[in-house]
Amino acid sequence: MRNKMLPGIFGAVLMFITGNMLPVTDFYSHFIVNSHDGENTSVAIAVLLGWPIFIILGASAGVLAYNYCPAKLSKGRT
């Protein structure tokens, strides 16, 4: 279990960082923000919708990459 957690955490962090660098926030803020209330809505969408999606997708990708990586290290047992 510990071996699967580290790639999951690494994938979640990596996807969170790259996901926040994508211009997705600019896309929906262009259509939502018309006033100060729209700014609050934009932040709420980013924090409550965008960030969890990035974290879940990144963790899933990290665990899948760990499970299906063909270059797993040998434990020295045959």
Protein backbone atom coordinates (compact mmCIF):
# COMPACT_ATOMS: atom_id res chain seq x y z
CA MET A 1 0.00 0.00 0.00
CA ARG A 2 2.82 2.39 0.82
CA ASN A 3 4.36 1.77 -2.58
CA LYS A 4 1.16 2.88 -4.32
CA MET A 5 0.65 5.98 -2.19
CA LEU A 6 3.85 7.73 -3.22
CA PRO A 7 3.14 7.67 -6.99
CA GLY A 8 -0.43 8.73 -6.25
CA ILE A 9 0.71 11.70 -4.19
CA PHE A 10 3.36 12.62 -6.74
CA GLY A 11 0.83 12.41 -9.58
CA ALA A 12 -1.69 14.51 -7.65
CA VAL A 13 0.87 17.23 -6.91
CA LEU A 14 2.18 17.23 -10.48
CA MET A 15 -1.32 17.42 -11.97
CA PHE A 16 -2.35 20.13 -9.49
CA ILE A 17 0.62 22.29 -10.48
CA THR A 18 0.23 21.78 -14.22
CA GLY A 19 -3.55 22.11 -14.03
CA ASN A 20 -3.27 25.50 -12.37
CA MET A 21 -0.90 26.66 -15.10
CA LEU A 22 -3.44 25.84 -17.83
CA PRO A 23 -5.60 28.74 -19.05
CA VAL A 24 -8.84 27.00 -17.99
CA THR A 25 -9.39 29.63 -15.29
CA ASP A 26 -9.19 32.37 -17.90
CA PHE A 27 -11.77 30.56 -20.02
CA TYR A 28 -14.53 30.38 -17.44
CA SER A 29 -13.65 33.69 -15.79
CA HIS A 30 -14.13 35.38 -19.16
CA PHE A 31 -17.74 34.16 -19.27
CA ILE A 32 -18.60 34.40 -15.55
CA VAL A 33 -16.91 37.54 -14.20
CA ASN A 34 -18.99 40.65 -14.74
CA SER A 35 -18.76 42.12 -11.24
CA HIS A 36 -17.28 41.43 -7.82
CA ASP A 37 -19.86 38.70 -7.24
CA GLY A 38 -18.67 37.05 -10.42
CA GLU A 39 -15.11 37.08 -9.09
CA ASN A 40 -16.28 35.19 -6.01
CA THR A 41 -18.04 32.67 -8.22
CA SER A 42 -14.92 32.24 -10.32
CA VAL A 43 -12.81 31.54 -7.25
CA ALA A 44 -15.43 29.14 -5.88
CA ILE A 45 -15.45 27.21 -9.17
CA ALA A 46 -11.66 26.99 -9.18
CA VAL A 47 -11.37 25.89 -5.53
CA LEU A 48 -14.41 23.63 -5.25
CA LEU A 49 -14.50 22.13 -8.74
CA GLY A 50 -11.19 22.57 -10.52
CA TRP A 51 -8.71 21.69 -7.78
CA PRO A 52 -10.41 18.44 -6.67
CA ILE A 53 -10.65 17.29 -10.29
CA PHE A 54 -6.94 17.96 -10.82
CA ILE A 55 -6.01 16.13 -7.62
CA ILE A 56 -8.21 13.08 -8.31
CA LEU A 57 -7.05 12.76 -11.92
CA GLY A 58 -3.41 13.16 -10.93
CA ALA A 59 -3.61 10.58 -8.14
CA SER A 60 -5.35 8.12 -10.45
CA ALA A 61 -2.76 8.66 -13.17
CA GLY A 62 0.07 8.16 -10.66
CA VAL A 63 -1.35 4.87 -9.36
CA LEU A 64 -2.09 3.63 -12.89
CA ALA A 65 1.44 4.53 -13.99
CA TYR A 66 2.81 2.60 -11.03
CA ASN A 67 0.66 -0.45 -11.74
CA TYR A 68 1.34 -0.64 -15.46
CA CYS A 69 4.94 0.57 -15.62
CA PRO A 70 6.93 -2.15 -17.44
CA ALA A 71 10.21 -1.13 -15.79
CA LYS A 72 9.42 -2.16 -12.23
CA LEU A 73 12.47 -2.82 -10.12
CA SER A 74 13.15 -6.38 -9.09
CA LYS A 75 13.07 -7.26 -5.38
CA GLY A 76 15.84 -9.77 -5.88
CA ARG A 77 13.49 -12.74 -5.68
CA THR A 78 12.66 -15.09 -8.48
